[in-house]
């Protein structure tokens, strides 16, 4: 599990997780939860939910960030890539 610090951002009636590197992920609306604009939070994301972007990537551009692979852990049937973004936050990607 990757744990990444981010900030709640309210924009045009929608809620987002806003990251220091410019990455912005929408938060699905829920009637039973009120999010505070500007609140610092920590988001958890599983390695298998992260993918490498290329010219065929169809996801929103706000979800894509540049990173540098510094370590590749070969774990038998899968590899874990240790990726550092411009803010030097480590993100681990699981490749099968």
PDB file of N, CA and C in Angstrom:
ATOM      1  N   UNK A   1       0.851  -1.177   0.000  1.00  0.00           N
ATOM      2  CA  UNK A   1       0.000   0.000   0.000  1.00  0.00           C
ATOM      3  C   UNK A   1       0.891   1.233   0.000  1.00  0.00           C
ATOM      4  N   UNK A   2       0.610   2.133  -0.918  1.00  0.00           N
ATOM      5  CA  UNK A   2       1.304   3.422  -0.965  1.00  0.00           C
ATOM      6  C   UNK A   2       0.490   4.428  -0.168  1.00  0.00           C
ATOM      7  N   UNK A   3       1.121   5.161   0.716  1.00  0.00           N
ATOM      8  CA  UNK A   3       0.470   6.219   1.485  1.00  0.00           C
ATOM      9  C   UNK A   3       1.085   7.540   1.046  1.00  0.00           C
ATOM     10  N   UNK A   4       0.220   8.435   0.536  1.00  0.00           N
ATOM     11  CA  UNK A   4       0.696   9.685  -0.045  1.00  0.00           C
ATOM     12  C   UNK A   4      -0.072  10.848   0.562  1.00  0.00           C
ATOM     13  N   UNK A   5       0.657  11.863   1.026  1.00  0.00           N
ATOM     14  CA  UNK A   5       0.023  13.064   1.577  1.00  0.00           C
ATOM     15  C   UNK A   5      -0.573  13.899   0.450  1.00  0.00           C
ATOM     16  N   UNK A   6      -1.748  14.455   0.698  1.00  0.00           N
ATOM     17  CA  UNK A   6      -2.414  15.309  -0.279  1.00  0.00           C
ATOM     18  C   UNK A   6      -3.370  16.248   0.464  1.00  0.00           C
ATOM     19  N   UNK A   7      -4.075  17.076  -0.294  1.00  0.00           N
ATOM     20  CA  UNK A   7      -4.964  18.080   0.275  1.00  0.00           C
ATOM     21  C   UNK A   7      -6.323  17.990  -0.403  1.00  0.00           C
ATOM     22  N   UNK A   8      -7.403  18.128   0.372  1.00  0.00           N
ATOM     23  CA  UNK A   8      -8.743  18.195  -0.200  1.00  0.00           C
ATOM     24  C   UNK A   8      -8.883  19.533  -0.915  1.00  0.00           C
ATOM     25  N   UNK A   9      -9.361  19.482  -2.144  1.00  0.00           N
ATOM     26  CA  UNK A   9      -9.571  20.709  -2.915  1.00  0.00           C
ATOM     27  C   UNK A   9     -10.994  20.698  -3.464  1.00  0.00           C
ATOM     28  N   UNK A  10     -11.721  21.773  -3.254  1.00  0.00           N
ATOM     29  CA  UNK A  10     -13.066  21.910  -3.799  1.00  0.00           C
ATOM     30  C   UNK A  10     -12.985  22.847  -5.002  1.00  0.00           C
ATOM     31  N   UNK A  11     -13.519  22.382  -6.130  1.00  0.00           N
ATOM     32  CA  UNK A  11     -13.443  23.167  -7.359  1.00  0.00           C
ATOM     33  C   UNK A  11     -14.665  22.871  -8.227  1.00  0.00           C
ATOM     34  N   UNK A  12     -15.390  23.918  -8.606  1.00  0.00           N
ATOM     35  CA  UNK A  12     -16.573  23.783  -9.468  1.00  0.00           C
ATOM     36  C   UNK A  12     -17.578  22.769  -8.924  1.00  0.00           C
ATOM     37  N   UNK A  13     -17.795  22.772  -7.624  1.00  0.00           N
ATOM     38  CA  UNK A  13     -18.776  21.891  -7.008  1.00  0.00           C
ATOM     39  C   UNK A  13     -18.325  20.457  -6.831  1.00  0.00           C
ATOM     40  N   UNK A  14     -17.074  20.160  -7.147  1.00  0.00           N
ATOM     41  CA  UNK A  14     -16.555  18.795  -7.010  1.00  0.00           C
ATOM     42  C   UNK A  14     -15.398  18.789  -6.011  1.00  0.00           C
ATOM     43  N   UNK A  15     -15.131  17.606  -5.456  1.00  0.00           N
ATOM     44  CA  UNK A  15     -14.027  17.423  -4.512  1.00  0.00           C
ATOM     45  C   UNK A  15     -12.904  16.657  -5.193  1.00  0.00           C
ATOM     46  N   UNK A  16     -11.667  17.057  -4.880  1.00  0.00           N
ATOM     47  CA  UNK A  16     -10.478  16.415  -5.445  1.00  0.00           C
ATOM     48  C   UNK A  16      -9.445  16.185  -4.359  1.00  0.00           C
ATOM     49  N   UNK A  17      -8.582  15.200  -4.594  1.00  0.00           N
ATOM     50  CA  UNK A  17      -7.348  15.056  -3.829  1.00  0.00           C
ATOM     51  C   UNK A  17      -6.283  15.743  -4.663  1.00  0.00           C
ATOM     52  N   UNK A  18      -5.628  16.733  -4.090  1.00  0.00           N
ATOM     53  CA  UNK A  18      -4.651  17.549  -4.797  1.00  0.00           C
ATOM     54  C   UNK A  18      -3.262  17.237  -4.235  1.00  0.00           C
ATOM     55  N   UNK A  19      -2.329  16.884  -5.119  1.00  0.00           N
ATOM     56  CA  UNK A  19      -0.987  16.488  -4.713  1.00  0.00           C
ATOM     57  C   UNK A  19       0.014  17.574  -5.078  1.00  0.00           C
ATOM     58  N   UNK A  20       1.127  17.646  -4.368  1.00  0.00           N
ATOM     59  CA  UNK A  20       2.151  18.663  -4.590  1.00  0.00           C
ATOM     60  C   UNK A  20       2.712  18.641  -6.006  1.00  0.00           C
ATOM     61  N   UNK A  21       2.706  17.480  -6.665  1.00  0.00           N
ATOM     62  CA  UNK A  21       3.285  17.371  -8.001  1.00  0.00           C
ATOM     63  C   UNK A  21       2.304  17.730  -9.113  1.00  0.00           C
ATOM     64  N   UNK A  22       1.105  18.226  -8.752  1.00  0.00           N
ATOM     65  CA  UNK A  22       0.116  18.621  -9.751  1.00  0.00           C
ATOM     66  C   UNK A  22      -0.929  17.559 -10.035  1.00  0.00           C
ATOM     67  N   UNK A  23      -0.713  16.355  -9.565  1.00  0.00           N
ATOM     68  CA  UNK A  23      -1.679  15.283  -9.744  1.00  0.00           C
ATOM     69  C   UNK A  23      -2.956  15.635  -9.001  1.00  0.00           C
ATOM     70  N   UNK A  24      -4.109  15.386  -9.644  1.00  0.00           N
ATOM     71  CA  UNK A  24      -5.401  15.684  -9.033  1.00  0.00           C
ATOM     72  C   UNK A  24      -6.338  14.513  -9.302  1.00  0.00           C
ATOM     73  N   UNK A  25      -6.905  13.937  -8.252  1.00  0.00           N
ATOM     74  CA  UNK A  25      -7.795  12.785  -8.392  1.00  0.00           C
ATOM     75  C   UNK A  25      -9.164  13.158  -7.835  1.00  0.00           C
ATOM     76  N   UNK A  26     -10.237  12.949  -8.631  1.00  0.00           N
ATOM     77  CA  UNK A  26     -11.569  13.277  -8.137  1.00  0.00           C
ATOM     78  C   UNK A  26     -12.000  12.333  -7.011  1.00  0.00           C
ATOM     79  N   UNK A  27     -12.751  12.885  -6.068  1.00  0.00           N
ATOM     80  CA  UNK A  27     -13.315  12.097  -4.972  1.00  0.00           C
ATOM     81  C   UNK A  27     -14.796  11.909  -5.288  1.00  0.00           C
ATOM     82  N   UNK A  28     -15.268  10.668  -5.383  1.00  0.00           N
ATOM     83  CA  UNK A  28     -16.692  10.452  -5.674  1.00  0.00           C
ATOM     84  C   UNK A  28     -17.569  11.090  -4.595  1.00  0.00           C
ATOM     85  N   UNK A  29     -18.659  11.742  -5.005  1.00  0.00           N
ATOM     86  CA  UNK A  29     -19.534  12.388  -4.019  1.00  0.00           C
ATOM     87  C   UNK A  29     -20.265  11.371  -3.146  1.00  0.00           C
ATOM     88  N   UNK A  30     -20.439  11.741  -1.864  1.00  0.00           N
ATOM     89  CA  UNK A  30     -21.213  10.925  -0.915  1.00  0.00           C
ATOM     90  C   UNK A  30     -22.036  11.880  -0.070  1.00  0.00           C
ATOM     91  N   UNK A  31     -23.307  11.573   0.074  1.00  0.00           N
ATOM     92  CA  UNK A  31     -24.203  12.458   0.819  1.00  0.00           C
ATOM     93  C   UNK A  31     -23.937  12.431   2.325  1.00  0.00           C
ATOM     94  N   UNK A  32     -23.301  11.369   2.826  1.00  0.00           N
ATOM     95  CA  UNK A  32     -23.075  11.242   4.265  1.00  0.00           C
ATOM     96  C   UNK A  32     -21.707  11.751   4.714  1.00  0.00           C
ATOM     97  N   UNK A  33     -20.924  12.345   3.786  1.00  0.00           N
ATOM     98  CA  UNK A  33     -19.588  12.824   4.124  1.00  0.00           C
ATOM     99  C   UNK A  33     -19.418  14.257   3.609  1.00  0.00           C
ATOM    100  N   UNK A  34     -18.907  15.121   4.471  1.00  0.00           N
ATOM    101  CA  UNK A  34     -18.577  16.489   4.075  1.00  0.00           C
ATOM    102  C   UNK A  34     -17.071  16.658   4.177  1.00  0.00           C
ATOM    103  N   UNK A  35     -16.454  17.040   3.058  1.00  0.00           N
ATOM    104  CA  UNK A  35     -15.005  17.227   3.043  1.00  0.00           C
ATOM    105  C   UNK A  35     -14.683  18.704   3.197  1.00  0.00           C
ATOM    106  N   UNK A  36     -13.643  18.987   3.971  1.00  0.00           N
ATOM    107  CA  UNK A  36     -13.229  20.359   4.263  1.00  0.00           C
ATOM    108  C   UNK A  36     -12.155  20.807   3.271  1.00  0.00           C
ATOM    109  N   UNK A  37     -12.445  21.878   2.527  1.00  0.00           N
ATOM    110  CA  UNK A  37     -11.494  22.413   1.562  1.00  0.00           C
ATOM    111  C   UNK A  37     -10.192  22.795   2.262  1.00  0.00           C
ATOM    112  N   UNK A  38      -9.059  22.356   1.710  1.00  0.00           N
ATOM    113  CA  UNK A  38      -7.756  22.689   2.261  1.00  0.00           C
ATOM    114  C   UNK A  38      -7.251  21.744   3.336  1.00  0.00           C
ATOM    115  N   UNK A  39      -8.066  20.759   3.716  1.00  0.00           N
ATOM    116  CA  UNK A  39      -7.656  19.821   4.769  1.00  0.00           C
ATOM    117  C   UNK A  39      -6.578  18.871   4.252  1.00  0.00           C
ATOM    118  N   UNK A  40      -5.525  18.686   5.036  1.00  0.00           N
ATOM    119  CA  UNK A  40      -4.448  17.751   4.712  1.00  0.00           C
ATOM    120  C   UNK A  40      -4.905  16.339   5.066  1.00  0.00           C
ATOM    121  N   UNK A  41      -4.743  15.412   4.124  1.00  0.00           N
ATOM    122  CA  UNK A  41      -5.139  14.019   4.334  1.00  0.00           C
ATOM    123  C   UNK A  41      -4.054  13.102   3.767  1.00  0.00           C
ATOM    124  N   UNK A  42      -4.172  11.825   4.039  1.00  0.00           N
ATOM    125  CA  UNK A  42      -3.279  10.821   3.472  1.00  0.00           C
ATOM    126  C   UNK A  42      -4.113   9.837   2.673  1.00  0.00           C
ATOM    127  N   UNK A  43      -3.741   9.646   1.399  1.00  0.00           N
ATOM    128  CA  UNK A  43      -4.449   8.711   0.536  1.00  0.00           C
ATOM    129  C   UNK A  43      -3.661   7.410   0.455  1.00  0.00           C
ATOM    130  N   UNK A  44      -4.357   6.303   0.506  1.00  0.00           N
ATOM    131  CA  UNK A  44      -3.735   4.995   0.327  1.00  0.00           C
ATOM    132  C   UNK A  44      -4.120   4.432  -1.024  1.00  0.00           C
ATOM    133  N   UNK A  45      -3.148   3.944  -1.776  1.00  0.00           N
ATOM    134  CA  UNK A  45      -3.439   3.324  -3.070  1.00  0.00           C
ATOM    135  C   UNK A  45      -2.615   2.045  -3.197  1.00  0.00           C
ATOM    136  N   UNK A  46      -3.276   1.009  -3.630  1.00  0.00           N
ATOM    137  CA  UNK A  46      -2.613  -0.294  -3.772  1.00  0.00           C
ATOM    138  C   UNK A  46      -1.733  -0.306  -5.022  1.00  0.00           C
ATOM    139  N   UNK A  47      -0.618  -1.017  -4.948  1.00  0.00           N
ATOM    140  CA  UNK A  47       0.331  -1.059  -6.064  1.00  0.00           C
ATOM    141  C   UNK A  47      -0.321  -1.568  -7.345  1.00  0.00           C
ATOM    142  N   UNK A  48      -1.236  -2.508  -7.245  1.00  0.00           N
ATOM    143  CA  UNK A  48      -1.851  -3.079  -8.448  1.00  0.00           C
ATOM    144  C   UNK A  48      -2.824  -2.123  -9.145  1.00  0.00           C
ATOM    145  N   UNK A  49      -3.145  -0.999  -8.487  1.00  0.00           N
ATOM    146  CA  UNK A  49      -4.023   0.001  -9.089  1.00  0.00           C
ATOM    147  C   UNK A  49      -3.251   1.092  -9.819  1.00  0.00           C
ATOM    148  N   UNK A  50      -1.919   1.024  -9.806  1.00  0.00           N
ATOM    149  CA  UNK A  50      -1.069   2.001 -10.491  1.00  0.00           C
ATOM    150  C   UNK A  50      -0.604   1.380 -11.796  1.00  0.00           C
ATOM    151  N   UNK A  51      -0.589   2.167 -12.870  1.00  0.00           N
ATOM    152  CA  UNK A  51      -0.106   1.652 -14.151  1.00  0.00           C
ATOM    153  C   UNK A  51       0.845   2.660 -14.793  1.00  0.00           C
ATOM    154  N   UNK A  52       1.682   2.158 -15.677  1.00  0.00           N
ATOM    155  CA  UNK A  52       2.625   2.992 -16.411  1.00  0.00           C
ATOM    156  C   UNK A  52       1.880   3.613 -17.592  1.00  0.00           C
ATOM    157  N   UNK A  53       1.973   4.928 -17.742  1.00  0.00           N
ATOM    158  CA  UNK A  53       1.298   5.628 -18.837  1.00  0.00           C
ATOM    159  C   UNK A  53       2.187   5.654 -20.071  1.00  0.00           C
ATOM    160  N   UNK A  54       1.546   5.584 -21.237  1.00  0.00           N
ATOM    161  CA  UNK A  54       2.250   5.741 -22.507  1.00  0.00           C
ATOM    162  C   UNK A  54       1.323   6.470 -23.484  1.00  0.00           C
ATOM    163  N   UNK A  55       1.641   6.459 -24.773  1.00  0.00           N
ATOM    164  CA  UNK A  55       0.845   7.184 -25.764  1.00  0.00           C
ATOM    165  C   UNK A  55      -0.580   6.652 -25.902  1.00  0.00           C
ATOM    166  N   UNK A  56      -0.829   5.426 -25.448  1.00  0.00           N
ATOM    167  CA  UNK A  56      -2.172   4.836 -25.576  1.00  0.00           C
ATOM    168  C   UNK A  56      -2.995   4.965 -24.298  1.00  0.00           C
ATOM    169  N   UNK A  57      -2.456   5.611 -23.273  1.00  0.00           N
ATOM    170  CA  UNK A  57      -3.152   5.751 -22.006  1.00  0.00           C
ATOM    171  C   UNK A  57      -4.407   6.592 -22.190  1.00  0.00           C
ATOM    172  N   UNK A  58      -5.533   6.080 -21.687  1.00  0.00           N
ATOM    173  CA  UNK A  58      -6.801   6.771 -21.893  1.00  0.00           C
ATOM    174  C   UNK A  58      -7.290   7.521 -20.652  1.00  0.00           C
ATOM    175  N   UNK A  59      -6.555   7.458 -19.564  1.00  0.00           N
ATOM    176  CA  UNK A  59      -6.974   8.127 -18.328  1.00  0.00           C
ATOM    177  C   UNK A  59      -6.828   9.637 -18.442  1.00  0.00           C
ATOM    178  N   UNK A  60      -7.487  10.354 -17.529  1.00  0.00           N
ATOM    179  CA  UNK A  60      -7.382  11.821 -17.518  1.00  0.00           C
ATOM    180  C   UNK A  60      -5.944  12.280 -17.294  1.00  0.00           C
ATOM    181  N   UNK A  61      -5.559  13.346 -17.964  1.00  0.00           N
ATOM    182  CA  UNK A  61      -4.185  13.840 -17.861  1.00  0.00           C
ATOM    183  C   UNK A  61      -3.841  14.270 -16.436  1.00  0.00           C
ATOM    184  N   UNK A  62      -4.852  14.679 -15.634  1.00  0.00           N
ATOM    185  CA  UNK A  62      -4.602  15.087 -14.248  1.00  0.00           C
ATOM    186  C   UNK A  62      -4.140  13.921 -13.385  1.00  0.00           C
ATOM    187  N   UNK A  63      -4.350  12.692 -13.853  1.00  0.00           N
ATOM    188  CA  UNK A  63      -3.981  11.511 -13.078  1.00  0.00           C
ATOM    189  C   UNK A  63      -2.574  11.022 -13.409  1.00  0.00           C
ATOM    190  N   UNK A  64      -1.892  11.690 -14.319  1.00  0.00           N
ATOM    191  CA  UNK A  64      -0.585  11.233 -14.791  1.00  0.00           C
ATOM    192  C   UNK A  64       0.510  12.139 -14.229  1.00  0.00           C
ATOM    193  N   UNK A  65       1.598  11.531 -13.748  1.00  0.00           N
ATOM    194  CA  UNK A  65       2.737  12.314 -13.279  1.00  0.00           C
ATOM    195  C   UNK A  65       4.028  11.683 -13.780  1.00  0.00           C
ATOM    196  N   UNK A  66       5.049  12.505 -13.926  1.00  0.00           N
ATOM    197  CA  UNK A  66       6.362  12.015 -14.331  1.00  0.00           C
ATOM    198  C   UNK A  66       7.076  11.440 -13.117  1.00  0.00           C
ATOM    199  N   UNK A  67       7.844  10.401 -13.346  1.00  0.00           N
ATOM    200  CA  UNK A  67       8.600   9.804 -12.257  1.00  0.00           C
ATOM    201  C   UNK A  67       9.861   9.143 -12.782  1.00  0.00           C
ATOM    202  N   UNK A  68      10.747   8.830 -11.875  1.00  0.00           N
ATOM    203  CA  UNK A  68      12.017   8.194 -12.200  1.00  0.00           C
ATOM    204  C   UNK A  68      12.083   6.866 -11.446  1.00  0.00           C
ATOM    205  N   UNK A  69      12.280   5.760 -12.195  1.00  0.00           N
ATOM    206  CA  UNK A  69      12.441   4.449 -11.566  1.00  0.00           C
ATOM    207  C   UNK A  69      13.845   4.372 -11.010  1.00  0.00           C
ATOM    208  N   UNK A  70      13.947   4.178  -9.684  1.00  0.00           N
ATOM    209  CA  UNK A  70      15.264   4.106  -9.046  1.00  0.00           C
ATOM    210  C   UNK A  70      15.621   2.687  -8.607  1.00  0.00           C
ATOM    211  N   UNK A  71      14.608   1.858  -8.352  1.00  0.00           N
ATOM    212  CA  UNK A  71      14.854   0.487  -7.894  1.00  0.00           C
ATOM    213  C   UNK A  71      13.830  -0.426  -8.550  1.00  0.00           C
ATOM    214  N   UNK A  72      14.288  -1.598  -8.986  1.00  0.00           N
ATOM    215  CA  UNK A  72      13.393  -2.645  -9.473  1.00  0.00           C
ATOM    216  C   UNK A  72      13.606  -3.860  -8.591  1.00  0.00           C
ATOM    217  N   UNK A  73      12.554  -4.255  -7.863  1.00  0.00           N
ATOM    218  CA  UNK A  73      12.620  -5.468  -7.031  1.00  0.00           C
ATOM    219  C   UNK A  73      12.036  -6.618  -7.832  1.00  0.00           C
ATOM    220  N   UNK A  74      12.846  -7.618  -8.148  1.00  0.00           N
ATOM    221  CA  UNK A  74      12.363  -8.792  -8.867  1.00  0.00           C
ATOM    222  C   UNK A  74      11.907  -9.818  -7.841  1.00  0.00           C
ATOM    223  N   UNK A  75      10.600 -10.087  -7.829  1.00  0.00           N
ATOM    224  CA  UNK A  75      10.005 -10.943  -6.801  1.00  0.00           C
ATOM    225  C   UNK A  75       9.390 -12.202  -7.413  1.00  0.00           C
ATOM    226  N   UNK A  76      10.111 -12.860  -8.290  1.00  0.00           N
ATOM    227  CA  UNK A  76       9.588 -14.075  -8.903  1.00  0.00           C
ATOM    228  C   UNK A  76       8.612 -13.747 -10.019  1.00  0.00           C
ATOM    229  N   UNK A  77       7.301 -13.882  -9.747  1.00  0.00           N
ATOM    230  CA  UNK A  77       6.307 -13.673 -10.796  1.00  0.00           C
ATOM    231  C   UNK A  77       5.887 -12.217 -10.973  1.00  0.00           C
ATOM    232  N   UNK A  78       6.484 -11.303 -10.220  1.00  0.00           N
ATOM    233  CA  UNK A  78       6.159  -9.883 -10.373  1.00  0.00           C
ATOM    234  C   UNK A  78       7.369  -9.027 -10.006  1.00  0.00           C
ATOM    235  N   UNK A  79       7.336  -7.798 -10.470  1.00  0.00           N
ATOM    236  CA  UNK A  79       8.381  -6.820 -10.145  1.00  0.00           C
ATOM    237  C   UNK A  79       7.733  -5.641  -9.445  1.00  0.00           C
ATOM    238  N   UNK A  80       8.436  -5.056  -8.491  1.00  0.00           N
ATOM    239  CA  UNK A  80       7.995  -3.810  -7.870  1.00  0.00           C
ATOM    240  C   UNK A  80       8.969  -2.729  -8.307  1.00  0.00           C
ATOM    241  N   UNK A  81       8.433  -1.653  -8.891  1.00  0.00           N
ATOM    242  CA  UNK A  81       9.249  -0.523  -9.315  1.00  0.00           C
ATOM    243  C   UNK A  81       9.111   0.571  -8.277  1.00  0.00           C
ATOM    244  N   UNK A  82      10.227   1.060  -7.763  1.00  0.00           N
ATOM    245  CA  UNK A  82      10.231   2.188  -6.828  1.00  0.00           C
ATOM    246  C   UNK A  82      10.395   3.441  -7.681  1.00  0.00           C
ATOM    247  N   UNK A  83       9.337   4.238  -7.745  1.00  0.00           N
ATOM    248  CA  UNK A  83       9.296   5.412  -8.611  1.00  0.00           C
ATOM    249  C   UNK A  83       9.270   6.658  -7.741  1.00  0.00           C
ATOM    250  N   UNK A  84      10.095   7.623  -8.086  1.00  0.00           N
ATOM    251  CA  UNK A  84      10.143   8.889  -7.360  1.00  0.00           C
ATOM    252  C   UNK A  84       9.665   9.988  -8.288  1.00  0.00           C
ATOM    253  N   UNK A  85       8.718  10.804  -7.803  1.00  0.00           N
ATOM    254  CA  UNK A  85       8.242  11.926  -8.615  1.00  0.00           C
ATOM    255  C   UNK A  85       9.101  13.152  -8.332  1.00  0.00           C
ATOM    256  N   UNK A  86       8.705  14.282  -8.890  1.00  0.00           N
ATOM    257  CA  UNK A  86       9.494  15.509  -8.744  1.00  0.00           C
ATOM    258  C   UNK A  86       9.627  15.948  -7.292  1.00  0.00           C
ATOM    259  N   UNK A  87       8.687  15.538  -6.452  1.00  0.00           N
ATOM    260  CA  UNK A  87       8.723  15.903  -5.034  1.00  0.00           C
ATOM    261  C   UNK A  87       9.430  14.836  -4.200  1.00  0.00           C
ATOM    262  N   UNK A  88      10.042  13.846  -4.847  1.00  0.00           N
ATOM    263  CA  UNK A  88      10.778  12.737  -4.246  1.00  0.00           C
ATOM    264  C   UNK A  88       9.919  11.851  -3.347  1.00  0.00           C
ATOM    265  N   UNK A  89       8.622  11.804  -3.603  1.00  0.00           N
ATOM    266  CA  UNK A  89       7.772  10.865  -2.870  1.00  0.00           C
ATOM    267  C   UNK A  89       7.882   9.504  -3.550  1.00  0.00           C
ATOM    268  N   UNK A  90       8.096   8.484  -2.759  1.00  0.00           N
ATOM    269  CA  UNK A  90       8.231   7.147  -3.330  1.00  0.00           C
ATOM    270  C   UNK A  90       6.858   6.564  -3.630  1.00  0.00           C
ATOM    271  N   UNK A  91       6.707   6.057  -4.834  1.00  0.00           N
ATOM    272  CA  UNK A  91       5.508   5.338  -5.240  1.00  0.00           C
ATOM    273  C   UNK A  91       5.974   3.982  -5.734  1.00  0.00           C
ATOM    274  N   UNK A  92       5.322   2.941  -5.304  1.00  0.00           N
ATOM    275  CA  UNK A  92       5.715   1.596  -5.730  1.00  0.00           C
ATOM    276  C   UNK A  92       4.663   1.060  -6.687  1.00  0.00           C
ATOM    277  N   UNK A  93       5.116   0.585  -7.817  1.00  0.00           N
ATOM    278  CA  UNK A  93       4.254   0.045  -8.879  1.00  0.00           C
ATOM    279  C   UNK A  93       4.507  -1.449  -8.996  1.00  0.00           C
ATOM    280  N   UNK A  94       3.447  -2.226  -9.082  1.00  0.00           N
ATOM    281  CA  UNK A  94       3.557  -3.681  -9.189  1.00  0.00           C
ATOM    282  C   UNK A  94       3.392  -4.079 -10.644  1.00  0.00           C
ATOM    283  N   UNK A  95       4.388  -4.726 -11.215  1.00  0.00           N
ATOM    284  CA  UNK A  95       4.352  -5.179 -12.601  1.00  0.00           C
ATOM    285  C   UNK A  95       4.318  -6.698 -12.612  1.00  0.00           C
ATOM    286  N   UNK A  96       3.359  -7.256 -13.336  1.00  0.00           N
ATOM    287  CA  UNK A  96       3.276  -8.722 -13.421  1.00  0.00           C
ATOM    288  C   UNK A  96       3.703  -9.208 -14.770  1.00  0.00           C
TER     289      UNK A  96
END
